Amino acid sequence: MKELAGLQHRLIEMLLEFQKFTDRHGLTFFLVGGSALGAYRHQGFIPWDDDVDIAMMRPDFEKMESLMANQNNRIGEFIYSPVENHIIPEAPIGYLYDDAHTQNGYDQTAKIDIHPIDGVPQNGFLRKVQMVCSLVYYLSEYRLPVKNKGNKIRMVSKAILKVTPDVLFRLYMKITKKIMTSWNADQSRDICSLFGVAGYRTEVMPREYLMPLKESAFEGAVFLVPGDTHHYLKRLYGDYKTLPPKEERYPRHTIHLTYRIDKGEEL
């Protein structure tokens, strides 16, 4: 589809601009999730993919947010949406939006998801504490039931929202963030994308799956990816080398309809 190719072209432009920004400030990001899978299996986008997932270790992520705030959360034509001041309510991660098409809403423009990576405690009880803190942080930030974590957790989150006074949510955010980010990712045996789509238990993995990072071709450019790509992708996807059934090979969003194949410009 020509429009999808145009969207992917625009996403590469966004990635390259973000790469210039991080290089200039001595920060590091790397492809994760479906983008890492695309780099391995297709040397670029999964053919039907219409977004980009990247990650940064927590210290770099926090520095990036601070630097963005100092430049009005903009990189040229692109707008950054901070974790605690989101343009639209989604997961507590960072988002970089294309400024094009925002007149139709930010859900109708290209975006890059930026996941912070945190250390994970070895103690089983403390892992439960970290997981619960991440859920309470999500609730406190968005005042919406938790998504993609199962019906039981969604029901519990609805109950918490009903009984919690609004005045307490900001305090909950401060406390839970301090707890859930307490474990230094550089010194932890295991790491996690606390708000990754796969869920806490699947997203927790040995740090050696990521580090040291390595370079990979992606749509004619070069970006960093998890160093142990095989075990990283197997952890998230199982049999990642096999393509999904044809009926599952479709874009998950509709924004590609607003982009052209030539320069990623508006139709």
C-alpha atoms as a PDB file:
ATOM      1  CA  MET A   1       0.000   0.000   0.000  1.00  0.00           C
ATOM      2  CA  LYS A   2       1.473   3.326  -1.101  1.00  0.00           C
ATOM      3  CA  GLU A   3       0.098   5.283   1.856  1.00  0.00           C
ATOM      4  CA  LEU A   4       1.621   2.836   4.349  1.00  0.00           C
ATOM      5  CA  ALA A   5       4.988   3.173   2.604  1.00  0.00           C
ATOM      6  CA  GLY A   6       4.654   6.946   2.941  1.00  0.00           C
ATOM      7  CA  LEU A   7       3.990   6.643   6.662  1.00  0.00           C
ATOM      8  CA  GLN A   8       6.991   4.355   7.120  1.00  0.00           C
ATOM      9  CA  HIS A   9       9.150   6.840   5.202  1.00  0.00           C
ATOM     10  CA  ARG A  10       8.041   9.593   7.569  1.00  0.00           C
ATOM     11  CA  LEU A  11       8.772   7.435  10.613  1.00  0.00           C
ATOM     12  CA  ILE A  12      12.334   6.910   9.383  1.00  0.00           C
ATOM     13  CA  GLU A  13      12.730  10.680   9.067  1.00  0.00           C
ATOM     14  CA  MET A  14      11.541  10.997  12.654  1.00  0.00           C
ATOM     15  CA  LEU A  15      13.938   8.297  13.859  1.00  0.00           C
ATOM     16  CA  LEU A  16      16.883   9.954  12.164  1.00  0.00           C
ATOM     17  CA  GLU A  17      16.033  13.331  13.707  1.00  0.00           C
ATOM     18  CA  PHE A  18      15.713  11.741  17.130  1.00  0.00           C
ATOM     19  CA  GLN A  19      19.047   9.999  16.565  1.00  0.00           C
ATOM     20  CA  LYS A  20      20.705  13.351  15.828  1.00  0.00           C
ATOM     21  CA  PHE A  21      19.212  14.713  19.047  1.00  0.00           C
ATOM     22  CA  THR A  22      20.414  11.800  21.202  1.00  0.00           C
ATOM     23  CA  ASP A  23      23.874  11.740  19.590  1.00  0.00           C
ATOM     24  CA  ARG A  24      24.250  15.460  20.231  1.00  0.00           C
ATOM     25  CA  HIS A  25      23.525  14.946  23.917  1.00  0.00           C
ATOM     26  CA  GLY A  26      25.398  11.680  24.419  1.00  0.00           C
ATOM     27  CA  LEU A  27      22.240   9.596  24.905  1.00  0.00           C
ATOM     28  CA  THR A  28      21.482   6.114  23.586  1.00  0.00           C
ATOM     29  CA  PHE A  29      18.291   4.549  22.254  1.00  0.00           C
ATOM     30  CA  PHE A  30      17.656   1.235  20.545  1.00  0.00           C
ATOM     31  CA  LEU A  31      14.903  -0.513  18.591  1.00  0.00           C
ATOM     32  CA  VAL A  32      12.655  -2.827  20.583  1.00  0.00           C
ATOM     33  CA  GLY A  33       9.488  -4.874  20.116  1.00  0.00           C
ATOM     34  CA  GLY A  34       8.140  -5.080  16.580  1.00  0.00           C
ATOM     35  CA  SER A  35      10.790  -2.669  15.309  1.00  0.00           C
ATOM     36  CA  ALA A  36      13.576  -4.954  16.583  1.00  0.00           C
ATOM     37  CA  LEU A  37      11.764  -7.894  15.014  1.00  0.00           C
ATOM     38  CA  GLY A  38      11.509  -5.993  11.733  1.00  0.00           C
ATOM     39  CA  ALA A  39      15.228  -5.180  11.821  1.00  0.00           C
ATOM     40  CA  TYR A  40      16.063  -8.876  12.298  1.00  0.00           C
ATOM     41  CA  ARG A  41      13.571 -10.426   9.888  1.00  0.00           C
ATOM     42  CA  HIS A  42      13.154  -7.732   7.221  1.00  0.00           C
ATOM     43  CA  GLN A  43      16.102  -5.329   7.726  1.00  0.00           C
ATOM     44  CA  GLY A  44      13.439  -2.684   8.173  1.00  0.00           C
ATOM     45  CA  PHE A  45       9.766  -2.422   8.951  1.00  0.00           C
ATOM     46  CA  ILE A  46       7.610  -5.486   9.228  1.00  0.00           C
ATOM     47  CA  PRO A  47       5.813  -4.928   5.887  1.00  0.00           C
ATOM     48  CA  TRP A  48       2.448  -4.182   7.511  1.00  0.00           C
ATOM     49  CA  ASP A  49       3.772  -2.292  10.545  1.00  0.00           C
ATOM     50  CA  ASP A  50       2.744   1.345  11.016  1.00  0.00           C
ATOM     51  CA  ASP A  51       4.624   2.520  14.100  1.00  0.00           C
ATOM     52  CA  VAL A  52       8.069   2.408  15.730  1.00  0.00           C
ATOM     53  CA  ASP A  53       9.098   1.218  19.190  1.00  0.00           C
ATOM     54  CA  ILE A  54      12.370   2.301  20.748  1.00  0.00           C
ATOM     55  CA  ALA A  55      13.756   2.175  24.288  1.00  0.00           C
ATOM     56  CA  MET A  56      16.236   3.992  26.510  1.00  0.00           C
ATOM     57  CA  MET A  57      17.720   2.962  29.828  1.00  0.00           C
ATOM     58  CA  ARG A  58      16.054   4.920  32.640  1.00  0.00           C
ATOM     59  CA  PRO A  59      18.896   7.440  33.279  1.00  0.00           C
ATOM     60  CA  ASP A  60      19.088   8.366  29.576  1.00  0.00           C
ATOM     61  CA  PHE A  61      15.301   8.494  29.345  1.00  0.00           C
ATOM     62  CA  GLU A  62      15.050  10.944  32.246  1.00  0.00           C
ATOM     63  CA  LYS A  63      17.818  13.116  30.764  1.00  0.00           C
ATOM     64  CA  MET A  64      16.014  13.067  27.425  1.00  0.00           C
ATOM     65  CA  GLU A  65      12.754  14.266  29.013  1.00  0.00           C
ATOM     66  CA  SER A  66      14.597  17.086  30.798  1.00  0.00           C
ATOM     67  CA  LEU A  67      16.353  18.182  27.612  1.00  0.00           C
ATOM     68  CA  MET A  68      13.076  18.072  25.701  1.00  0.00           C
ATOM     69  CA  ALA A  69      11.431  20.302  28.310  1.00  0.00           C
ATOM     70  CA  ASN A  70      14.227  22.851  27.812  1.00  0.00           C
ATOM     71  CA  GLN A  71      13.342  23.130  24.127  1.00  0.00           C
ATOM     72  CA  ASN A  72       9.557  23.262  24.511  1.00  0.00           C
ATOM     73  CA  ASN A  73       9.220  19.521  23.817  1.00  0.00           C
ATOM     74  CA  ARG A  74       9.994  19.935  20.130  1.00  0.00           C
ATOM     75  CA  ILE A  75      12.516  18.585  17.655  1.00  0.00           C
ATOM     76  CA  GLY A  76      11.941  20.557  14.480  1.00  0.00           C
ATOM     77  CA  GLU A  77       8.645  19.383  13.009  1.00  0.00           C
ATOM     78  CA  PHE A  78       8.103  16.842  15.776  1.00  0.00           C
ATOM     79  CA  ILE A  79       6.439  17.177  19.172  1.00  0.00           C
ATOM     80  CA  TYR A  80       7.445  15.240  22.280  1.00  0.00           C
ATOM     81  CA  SER A  81       4.749  14.148  24.736  1.00  0.00           C
ATOM     82  CA  PRO A  82       6.214  13.727  28.259  1.00  0.00           C
ATOM     83  CA  VAL A  83       5.251  10.835  30.506  1.00  0.00           C
ATOM     84  CA  GLU A  84       3.484  12.953  33.113  1.00  0.00           C
ATOM     85  CA  ASN A  85       1.985  15.528  30.766  1.00  0.00           C
ATOM     86  CA  HIS A  86       0.691  13.482  27.875  1.00  0.00           C
ATOM     87  CA  ILE A  87      -1.026  15.007  24.887  1.00  0.00           C
ATOM     88  CA  ILE A  88      -3.401  12.027  24.816  1.00  0.00           C
ATOM     89  CA  PRO A  89      -3.709   9.355  27.552  1.00  0.00           C
ATOM     90  CA  GLU A  90      -1.801   6.203  26.660  1.00  0.00           C
ATOM     91  CA  ALA A  91       0.856   4.136  28.462  1.00  0.00           C
ATOM     92  CA  PRO A  92       3.273   5.991  30.820  1.00  0.00           C
ATOM     93  CA  ILE A  93       6.040   6.128  28.217  1.00  0.00           C
ATOM     94  CA  GLY A  94       7.312   8.908  25.963  1.00  0.00           C
ATOM     95  CA  TYR A  95       5.899   9.666  22.528  1.00  0.00           C
ATOM     96  CA  LEU A  96       7.312  11.613  19.610  1.00  0.00           C
ATOM     97  CA  TYR A  97       4.588  12.855  17.248  1.00  0.00           C
ATOM     98  CA  ASP A  98       4.727  14.163  13.718  1.00  0.00           C
ATOM     99  CA  ASP A  99       3.231  17.674  13.731  1.00  0.00           C
ATOM    100  CA  ALA A 100       1.429  16.892  10.458  1.00  0.00           C
ATOM    101  CA  HIS A 101      -2.278  15.998  10.623  1.00  0.00           C
ATOM    102  CA  THR A 102      -2.642  17.015  14.269  1.00  0.00           C
ATOM    103  CA  GLN A 103      -5.689  19.034  13.310  1.00  0.00           C
ATOM    104  CA  ASN A 104      -7.461  15.662  13.199  1.00  0.00           C
ATOM    105  CA  GLY A 105      -6.116  14.604  16.605  1.00  0.00           C
ATOM    106  CA  TYR A 106      -2.806  13.191  17.740  1.00  0.00           C
ATOM    107  CA  ASP A 107      -4.077   9.666  17.177  1.00  0.00           C
ATOM    108  CA  GLN A 108      -4.108  10.483  13.463  1.00  0.00           C
ATOM    109  CA  THR A 109      -0.437  11.311  13.031  1.00  0.00           C
ATOM    110  CA  ALA A 110       2.771   9.275  12.968  1.00  0.00           C
ATOM    111  CA  LYS A 111       4.391   8.588  16.331  1.00  0.00           C
ATOM    112  CA  ILE A 112       7.332   6.831  17.916  1.00  0.00           C
ATOM    113  CA  ASP A 113       6.881   5.058  21.253  1.00  0.00           C
ATOM    114  CA  ILE A 114       9.827   5.576  23.635  1.00  0.00           C
ATOM    115  CA  HIS A 115      10.026   3.021  26.467  1.00  0.00           C
ATOM    116  CA  PRO A 116      12.148   3.542  29.608  1.00  0.00           C
ATOM    117  CA  ILE A 117      13.971   0.388  30.757  1.00  0.00           C
ATOM    118  CA  ASP A 118      14.305  -0.231  34.492  1.00  0.00           C
ATOM    119  CA  GLY A 119      16.176  -2.643  36.719  1.00  0.00           C
ATOM    120  CA  VAL A 120      14.269  -5.497  38.367  1.00  0.00           C
ATOM    121  CA  PRO A 121      14.755  -6.885  41.898  1.00  0.00           C
ATOM    122  CA  GLN A 122      15.708 -10.544  42.322  1.00  0.00           C
ATOM    123  CA  ASN A 123      13.424 -11.093  45.285  1.00  0.00           C
ATOM    124  CA  GLY A 124      10.017 -12.447  44.238  1.00  0.00           C
ATOM    125  CA  PHE A 125       8.088 -10.333  46.738  1.00  0.00           C
ATOM    126  CA  LEU A 126       9.853  -7.159  45.624  1.00  0.00           C
ATOM    127  CA  ARG A 127       9.004  -7.983  42.009  1.00  0.00           C
ATOM    128  CA  LYS A 128       5.345  -8.061  42.971  1.00  0.00           C
ATOM    129  CA  VAL A 129       5.824  -4.710  44.698  1.00  0.00           C
ATOM    130  CA  GLN A 130       7.396  -3.262  41.548  1.00  0.00           C
ATOM    131  CA  MET A 131       4.612  -4.631  39.351  1.00  0.00           C
ATOM    132  CA  VAL A 132       1.851  -3.302  41.642  1.00  0.00           C
ATOM    133  CA  CYS A 133       3.567   0.088  41.844  1.00  0.00           C
ATOM    134  CA  SER A 134       3.651   0.299  38.051  1.00  0.00           C
ATOM    135  CA  LEU A 135      -0.087  -0.414  37.900  1.00  0.00           C
ATOM    136  CA  VAL A 136      -0.900   2.172  40.587  1.00  0.00           C
ATOM    137  CA  TYR A 137       1.320   4.698  38.796  1.00  0.00           C
ATOM    138  CA  TYR A 138      -0.620   4.059  35.581  1.00  0.00           C
ATOM    139  CA  LEU A 139      -3.935   4.529  37.379  1.00  0.00           C
ATOM    140  CA  SER A 140      -2.753   7.688  39.105  1.00  0.00           C
ATOM    141  CA  GLU A 141      -1.474   9.203  35.870  1.00  0.00           C
ATOM    142  CA  TYR A 142      -4.501   8.536  33.662  1.00  0.00           C
ATOM    143  CA  ARG A 143      -7.404   7.851  36.039  1.00  0.00           C
ATOM    144  CA  LEU A 144      -8.359   5.109  33.587  1.00  0.00           C
ATOM    145  CA  PRO A 145      -8.580   1.315  34.076  1.00  0.00           C
ATOM    146  CA  VAL A 146      -5.392  -0.535  33.155  1.00  0.00           C
ATOM    147  CA  LYS A 147      -5.416  -1.953  29.629  1.00  0.00           C
ATOM    148  CA  ASN A 148      -3.876  -5.118  28.156  1.00  0.00           C
ATOM    149  CA  LYS A 149      -3.137  -6.720  31.564  1.00  0.00           C
ATOM    150  CA  GLY A 150      -6.054  -9.149  31.863  1.00  0.00           C
ATOM    151  CA  ASN A 151      -9.610  -8.869  33.134  1.00  0.00           C
ATOM    152  CA  LYS A 152      -8.722  -9.410  36.807  1.00  0.00           C
ATOM    153  CA  ILE A 153      -6.274  -6.507  36.907  1.00  0.00           C
ATOM    154  CA  ARG A 154      -8.694  -4.329  34.950  1.00  0.00           C
ATOM    155  CA  MET A 155     -11.462  -5.047  37.499  1.00  0.00           C
ATOM    156  CA  VAL A 156      -9.141  -4.255  40.421  1.00  0.00           C
ATOM    157  CA  SER A 157      -8.048  -1.023  38.750  1.00  0.00           C
ATOM    158  CA  LYS A 158     -11.676   0.050  38.304  1.00  0.00           C
ATOM    159  CA  ALA A 159     -12.311  -0.587  42.010  1.00  0.00           C
ATOM    160  CA  ILE A 160      -9.264   1.481  43.027  1.00  0.00           C
ATOM    161  CA  LEU A 161     -10.418   4.365  40.854  1.00  0.00           C
ATOM    162  CA  LYS A 162     -13.840   4.381  42.484  1.00  0.00           C
ATOM    163  CA  VAL A 163     -12.600   4.584  46.075  1.00  0.00           C
ATOM    164  CA  THR A 164      -9.566   6.863  45.673  1.00  0.00           C
ATOM    165  CA  PRO A 165      -9.992  10.640  46.134  1.00  0.00           C
ATOM    166  CA  ASP A 166      -8.448  12.685  43.309  1.00  0.00           C
ATOM    167  CA  VAL A 167      -6.224  14.573  45.743  1.00  0.00           C
ATOM    168  CA  LEU A 168      -4.266  11.393  46.501  1.00  0.00           C
ATOM    169  CA  PHE A 169      -3.344  10.476  42.932  1.00  0.00           C
ATOM    170  CA  ARG A 170      -0.455  12.937  42.613  1.00  0.00           C
ATOM    171  CA  LEU A 171       1.024  11.606  45.854  1.00  0.00           C
ATOM    172  CA  TYR A 172       0.583   8.035  44.620  1.00  0.00           C
ATOM    173  CA  MET A 173       2.449   8.896  41.426  1.00  0.00           C
ATOM    174  CA  LYS A 174       5.397  10.331  43.323  1.00  0.00           C
ATOM    175  CA  ILE A 175       5.666   7.389  45.718  1.00  0.00           C
ATOM    176  CA  THR A 176       5.129   4.598  43.200  1.00  0.00           C
ATOM    177  CA  LYS A 177       7.563   6.048  40.668  1.00  0.00           C
ATOM    178  CA  LYS A 178      10.282   6.251  43.303  1.00  0.00           C
ATOM    179  CA  ILE A 179       9.708   2.619  44.266  1.00  0.00           C
ATOM    180  CA  MET A 180       9.338   1.086  40.806  1.00  0.00           C
ATOM    181  CA  THR A 181      12.494   2.810  39.500  1.00  0.00           C
ATOM    182  CA  SER A 182      14.613   2.040  42.587  1.00  0.00           C
ATOM    183  CA  TRP A 183      16.650  -0.743  40.969  1.00  0.00           C
ATOM    184  CA  ASN A 184      19.556   0.471  38.843  1.00  0.00           C
ATOM    185  CA  ALA A 185      19.300  -1.143  35.408  1.00  0.00           C
ATOM    186  CA  ASP A 186      23.088  -1.013  34.976  1.00  0.00           C
ATOM    187  CA  GLN A 187      23.592  -3.076  38.117  1.00  0.00           C
ATOM    188  CA  SER A 188      20.562  -5.399  37.946  1.00  0.00           C
ATOM    189  CA  ARG A 189      20.733  -8.910  36.567  1.00  0.00           C
ATOM    190  CA  ASP A 190      17.270  -8.493  35.045  1.00  0.00           C
ATOM    191  CA  ILE A 191      15.598  -5.532  33.377  1.00  0.00           C
ATOM    192  CA  CYS A 192      12.079  -4.668  32.266  1.00  0.00           C
ATOM    193  CA  SER A 193      10.003  -2.314  30.160  1.00  0.00           C
ATOM    194  CA  LEU A 194       7.462  -1.750  32.932  1.00  0.00           C
ATOM    195  CA  PHE A 195       4.763  -0.577  30.546  1.00  0.00           C
ATOM    196  CA  GLY A 196       5.552  -2.854  27.616  1.00  0.00           C
ATOM    197  CA  VAL A 197       2.620  -4.389  25.741  1.00  0.00           C
ATOM    198  CA  ALA A 198       3.688  -7.952  26.605  1.00  0.00           C
ATOM    199  CA  GLY A 199       3.102  -7.363  30.332  1.00  0.00           C
ATOM    200  CA  TYR A 200       5.449  -7.316  33.316  1.00  0.00           C
ATOM    201  CA  ARG A 201       6.134 -11.060  33.587  1.00  0.00           C
ATOM    202  CA  THR A 202       7.070 -11.396  29.912  1.00  0.00           C
ATOM    203  CA  GLU A 203       8.939  -8.102  29.682  1.00  0.00           C
ATOM    204  CA  VAL A 204      11.248  -9.063  32.584  1.00  0.00           C
ATOM    205  CA  MET A 205      14.378 -10.610  31.058  1.00  0.00           C
ATOM    206  CA  PRO A 206      18.123 -10.908  31.689  1.00  0.00           C
ATOM    207  CA  ARG A 207      19.997  -7.670  31.078  1.00  0.00           C
ATOM    208  CA  GLU A 208      22.387  -9.628  28.852  1.00  0.00           C
ATOM    209  CA  TYR A 209      19.585  -9.992  26.298  1.00  0.00           C
ATOM    210  CA  LEU A 210      19.970  -6.253  25.680  1.00  0.00           C
ATOM    211  CA  MET A 211      23.549  -5.397  26.547  1.00  0.00           C
ATOM    212  CA  PRO A 212      25.865  -4.819  24.896  1.00  0.00           C
ATOM    213  CA  LEU A 213      23.781  -3.334  22.107  1.00  0.00           C
ATOM    214  CA  LYS A 214      24.720  -3.904  18.478  1.00  0.00           C
ATOM    215  CA  GLU A 215      24.091  -2.157  15.177  1.00  0.00           C
ATOM    216  CA  SER A 216      21.520  -3.349  12.662  1.00  0.00           C
ATOM    217  CA  ALA A 217      20.382  -2.205   9.235  1.00  0.00           C
ATOM    218  CA  PHE A 218      16.887  -0.726   9.167  1.00  0.00           C
ATOM    219  CA  GLU A 219      15.410   0.760   5.994  1.00  0.00           C
ATOM    220  CA  GLY A 220      18.798   1.810   4.670  1.00  0.00           C
ATOM    221  CA  ALA A 221      19.859   3.396   7.959  1.00  0.00           C
ATOM    222  CA  VAL A 222      21.668   1.908  10.958  1.00  0.00           C
ATOM    223  CA  PHE A 223      20.254   1.771  14.480  1.00  0.00           C
ATOM    224  CA  LEU A 224      21.083  -0.075  17.680  1.00  0.00           C
ATOM    225  CA  VAL A 225      19.168  -3.218  18.659  1.00  0.00           C
ATOM    226  CA  PRO A 226      19.341  -5.688  21.580  1.00  0.00           C
ATOM    227  CA  GLY A 227      22.675  -7.504  21.509  1.00  0.00           C
ATOM    228  CA  ASP A 228      21.274 -10.994  22.022  1.00  0.00           C
ATOM    229  CA  THR A 229      18.576 -10.537  19.415  1.00  0.00           C
ATOM    230  CA  HIS A 230      17.617 -14.213  19.335  1.00  0.00           C
ATOM    231  CA  HIS A 231      16.817 -14.575  23.035  1.00  0.00           C
ATOM    232  CA  TYR A 232      15.243 -11.113  23.219  1.00  0.00           C
ATOM    233  CA  LEU A 233      12.808 -11.825  20.378  1.00  0.00           C
ATOM    234  CA  LYS A 234      12.128 -15.363  21.562  1.00  0.00           C
ATOM    235  CA  ARG A 235      11.222 -14.008  24.990  1.00  0.00           C
ATOM    236  CA  LEU A 236       8.669 -11.592  23.533  1.00  0.00           C
ATOM    237  CA  TYR A 237       7.321 -13.535  20.578  1.00  0.00           C
ATOM    238  CA  GLY A 238       8.208 -17.208  20.892  1.00  0.00           C
ATOM    239  CA  ASP A 239       8.639 -18.481  17.315  1.00  0.00           C
ATOM    240  CA  TYR A 240       9.566 -15.068  15.937  1.00  0.00           C
ATOM    241  CA  LYS A 241      11.044 -16.443  12.687  1.00  0.00           C
ATOM    242  CA  THR A 242       7.673 -17.652  11.402  1.00  0.00           C
ATOM    243  CA  LEU A 243       5.390 -15.101   9.780  1.00  0.00           C
ATOM    244  CA  PRO A 244       1.883 -14.801  11.267  1.00  0.00           C
ATOM    245  CA  PRO A 245      -1.134 -16.024   9.254  1.00  0.00           C
ATOM    246  CA  LYS A 246      -2.075 -13.798   6.321  1.00  0.00           C
ATOM    247  CA  GLU A 247      -5.240 -12.608   8.066  1.00  0.00           C
ATOM    248  CA  GLU A 248      -3.078 -11.086  10.844  1.00  0.00           C
ATOM    249  CA  ARG A 249      -0.790  -9.159   8.496  1.00  0.00           C
ATOM    250  CA  TYR A 250      -2.418  -5.735   8.571  1.00  0.00           C
ATOM    251  CA  PRO A 251      -1.655  -2.291  10.062  1.00  0.00           C
ATOM    252  CA  ARG A 252      -3.049  -1.742  13.556  1.00  0.00           C
ATOM    253  CA  HIS A 253      -3.824   1.943  12.975  1.00  0.00           C
ATOM    254  CA  THR A 254      -5.520   4.018  10.256  1.00  0.00           C
ATOM    255  CA  ILE A 255      -3.142   6.966  10.143  1.00  0.00           C
ATOM    256  CA  HIS A 256      -1.285   5.586   7.107  1.00  0.00           C
ATOM    257  CA  LEU A 257      -4.170   6.830   4.958  1.00  0.00           C
ATOM    258  CA  THR A 258      -2.944  10.418   5.395  1.00  0.00           C
ATOM    259  CA  TYR A 259       0.601   9.879   4.094  1.00  0.00           C
ATOM    260  CA  ARG A 260       2.039   9.699   0.609  1.00  0.00           C
ATOM    261  CA  ILE A 261       4.689   7.346  -0.677  1.00  0.00           C
ATOM    262  CA  ASP A 262       6.947   9.980  -2.224  1.00  0.00           C
ATOM    263  CA  LYS A 263       8.013  12.213   0.680  1.00  0.00           C
ATOM    264  CA  GLY A 264       5.637  11.185   3.470  1.00  0.00           C
ATOM    265  CA  GLU A 265       3.697  14.381   2.897  1.00  0.00           C
ATOM    266  CA  GLU A 266       0.020  15.019   3.441  1.00  0.00           C
ATOM    267  CA  LEU A 267      -2.323  14.137   0.592  1.00  0.00           C
END
